[in-house]
Protein backbone atom coordinates (compact mmCIF):
# COMPACT_ATOMS: atom_id res chain seq x y z
CA MET A 1 15.97 1.34 -9.76
CA PHE A 2 18.29 -0.96 -7.81
CA THR A 3 21.45 -0.84 -9.91
CA GLY A 4 22.35 2.58 -8.56
CA GLU A 5 21.91 1.35 -5.01
CA LEU A 6 24.10 -1.69 -5.68
CA HIS A 7 26.73 0.53 -7.25
CA SER A 8 26.72 2.79 -4.18
CA TRP A 9 26.98 -0.27 -1.93
CA SER A 10 30.04 -1.56 -3.76
CA ARG A 11 31.57 1.91 -3.63
CA LEU A 12 30.87 2.21 0.10
CA SER A 13 32.13 -1.26 0.91
CA GLY A 14 35.61 -0.28 -0.13
CA MET A 15 37.80 -2.08 -2.58
CA THR A 16 36.91 -5.10 -4.65
CA ARG A 17 38.60 -8.44 -3.93
CA SER A 18 41.24 -7.95 -6.60
CA ASN A 19 42.10 -4.51 -5.23
CA LYS A 20 42.31 -5.80 -1.66
CA ASN A 21 45.01 -8.29 -2.57
CA LYS A 22 47.07 -5.60 -4.30
CA HIS A 23 47.05 -3.27 -1.29
CA MET A 24 47.78 -5.82 1.44
CA LYS A 25 51.22 -5.64 2.97
CA SER A 26 53.04 -8.68 4.21
CA ILE A 27 52.44 -9.57 7.83
CA THR A 28 55.52 -10.49 9.85
CA THR A 29 54.54 -10.35 13.53
CA SER A 30 51.63 -11.74 15.52
CA GLU A 31 50.57 -8.18 16.48
CA GLU A 32 50.30 -7.26 12.80
CA LEU A 33 48.33 -10.45 12.20
CA LYS A 34 45.93 -9.63 15.05
CA ALA A 35 45.55 -6.06 13.74
CA ALA A 36 44.90 -7.32 10.20
CA ILE A 37 42.33 -9.82 11.48
CA LEU A 38 40.61 -7.11 13.52
CA GLU A 39 40.58 -4.78 10.50
CA LEU A 40 39.06 -7.51 8.32
CA GLU A 41 36.46 -8.34 10.98
CA LEU A 42 35.47 -4.66 11.20
CA GLN A 43 35.28 -4.48 7.42
CA GLN A 44 33.17 -7.64 7.35
CA ALA A 45 30.80 -6.23 9.98
CA SER A 46 30.34 -2.95 8.09
CA GLU A 47 29.78 -4.81 4.81
CA LEU A 48 27.20 -7.03 6.54
CA ILE A 49 25.33 -3.94 7.72
CA LEU A 50 25.37 -2.49 4.20
CA LEU A 51 24.24 -5.81 2.75
CA LYS A 52 21.32 -6.02 5.19
CA GLU A 53 20.30 -2.44 4.37
CA GLN A 54 20.42 -3.23 0.66
CA TYR A 55 18.37 -6.39 1.21
CA TYR A 56 15.62 -4.47 3.02
CA LYS A 57 15.57 -1.74 0.36
CA THR A 58 15.31 -4.35 -2.38
CA ARG A 59 12.62 -6.28 -0.54
CA GLU A 60 10.60 -3.08 -0.05
CA GLY A 61 11.02 -2.19 -3.70
CA PHE A 62 9.61 -5.52 -4.85
CA LYS A 63 6.46 -5.39 -2.74
CA LEU A 64 3.40 -5.33 -4.96
CA THR A 65 1.99 -2.15 -3.46
CA ASN A 66 5.28 -0.30 -3.94
CA LEU A 67 5.59 -1.50 -7.55
CA ILE A 68 2.04 -0.35 -8.31
CA ARG A 69 2.59 2.97 -6.54
CA SER A 70 5.81 3.71 -8.44
CA LYS A 71 4.25 2.82 -11.82
CA PHE A 72 1.22 4.97 -11.00
CA LYS A 73 3.46 7.92 -10.16
CA GLU A 74 5.42 7.43 -13.40
CA THR A 75 2.17 7.37 -15.36
CA LEU A 76 0.80 10.50 -13.70
CA SER A 77 4.01 12.42 -14.27
CA ASP A 78 3.83 11.80 -18.05
CA PRO A 79 2.71 15.12 -19.66
CA ASP A 80 1.43 13.35 -22.78
CA LEU A 81 -1.00 11.34 -20.67
CA LYS A 82 -2.48 14.52 -19.18
CA THR A 83 -2.92 16.03 -22.64
CA ASP A 84 -4.49 12.82 -23.95
CA ALA A 85 -6.88 12.65 -20.98
CA ILE A 86 -7.96 16.26 -21.51
CA ASN A 87 -8.45 15.66 -25.23
CA ALA A 88 -10.52 12.54 -24.50
CA ALA A 89 -12.70 14.43 -22.03
CA ILE A 90 -13.26 17.24 -24.52
CA GLY A 91 -14.08 14.71 -27.25
CA PHE A 92 -16.50 12.82 -25.03
CA THR A 93 -18.26 16.03 -23.99
CA SER A 94 -18.46 17.23 -27.59
CA GLY A 95 -19.98 13.91 -28.63
CA ILE A 96 -22.66 14.10 -25.97
CA LEU A 97 -23.50 17.70 -26.91
CA ALA A 98 -23.71 16.83 -30.61
CA LYS A 99 -26.01 13.92 -29.82
CA LYS A 100 -28.29 16.11 -27.69
CA LEU A 101 -28.39 18.88 -30.31
CA MET A 102 -29.04 16.60 -33.29
CA ILE A 103 -31.30 13.95 -31.78
CA GLY A 104 -32.63 15.40 -28.53
CA LYS A 105 -34.79 13.21 -26.32
CA THR A 106 -36.53 10.44 -28.11
CA ILE A 107 -38.05 7.04 -27.45
CA ASN A 108 -37.49 5.85 -31.02
CA PRO A 109 -34.84 3.09 -30.91
CA PHE A 110 -33.59 3.93 -34.42
CA LYS A 111 -32.98 7.57 -33.43
CA LYS A 112 -31.26 6.44 -30.22
CA LEU A 113 -28.95 4.22 -32.25
CA LEU A 114 -28.29 7.07 -34.67
CA GLY A 115 -27.57 9.35 -31.69
CA ILE A 116 -24.99 6.91 -30.32
CA ALA A 117 -23.31 6.73 -33.74
CA VAL A 118 -23.23 10.56 -33.96
CA GLU A 119 -21.83 10.78 -30.43
CA MET A 120 -19.02 8.31 -31.19
CA ALA A 121 -18.20 9.91 -34.56
CA VAL A 122 -17.98 13.42 -33.10
CA ALA A 123 -15.99 12.28 -30.07
CA SER A 124 -13.55 10.37 -32.27
CA SER A 125 -13.12 13.32 -34.65
CA VAL A 126 -12.54 15.76 -31.82
CA VAL A 127 -9.93 13.53 -30.16
CA LYS A 128 -8.08 12.94 -33.44
CA ASN A 129 -8.08 16.64 -34.37
CA ALA A 130 -7.76 18.15 -30.89
CA ASP A 131 -4.72 20.30 -31.71
CA GLY A 132 -6.38 21.79 -34.80
CA ILE A 133 -9.60 22.46 -32.89
CA LYS A 134 -7.67 24.14 -30.07
CA ALA A 135 -5.80 26.34 -32.56
CA ALA A 136 -9.01 27.28 -34.37
CA GLY A 137 -10.76 28.01 -31.08
CA GLY A 138 -7.85 30.16 -29.94
CA SER A 139 -7.86 32.20 -33.15
CA ILE A 140 -11.65 32.72 -32.93
CA PHE A 141 -11.24 33.76 -29.31
CA LYS A 142 -8.56 36.29 -30.28
CA MET A 143 -10.69 37.66 -33.12
CA LEU A 144 -13.65 38.20 -30.78
CA PHE A 145 -11.57 40.13 -28.27
CA ARG A 146 -9.77 42.18 -30.94
CA LYS A 147 -13.09 43.49 -32.25
CA LYS A 148 -14.09 44.58 -28.76
CA GLU A 149 -10.74 46.32 -28.26
CA VAL A 150 -11.07 48.14 -31.61
CA GLN A 151 -14.64 49.18 -30.76
CA GLU A 152 -13.54 50.46 -27.34
CA LYS A 153 -10.81 52.62 -28.90
CA ILE A 154 -13.28 54.30 -31.27
């Protein structure tokens, strides 16, 4: 996150120390000395501005709210997470439906416990085999609509 910004700062600040020494010409007059000092002071002022900007960017980046926000955005942008969340929701719903169909409403604690076990087993199976269930559902869906199309043509 910050290495790119530091790299751009070093690029913007001009040459590194070793390069500065290579490109300096010898100063022979007091006017050249004053000009060189002025140039270095200007360079120092611009580097100070860049350093302050980098400090504020870094400080903002390390605030807890910004760290949480950036991690949350990274998590939401993950396509596998969306697929997993959808599969979990489908599994959970399937488990509840299976429990309602098999057990129904009861006051018997043993049947309630059995219903919870059925719900968890169905939900777990659906989540683990979500891709296969989606494929099977898609092929059944296609078969249903093909029959209607064939019947309409006749």
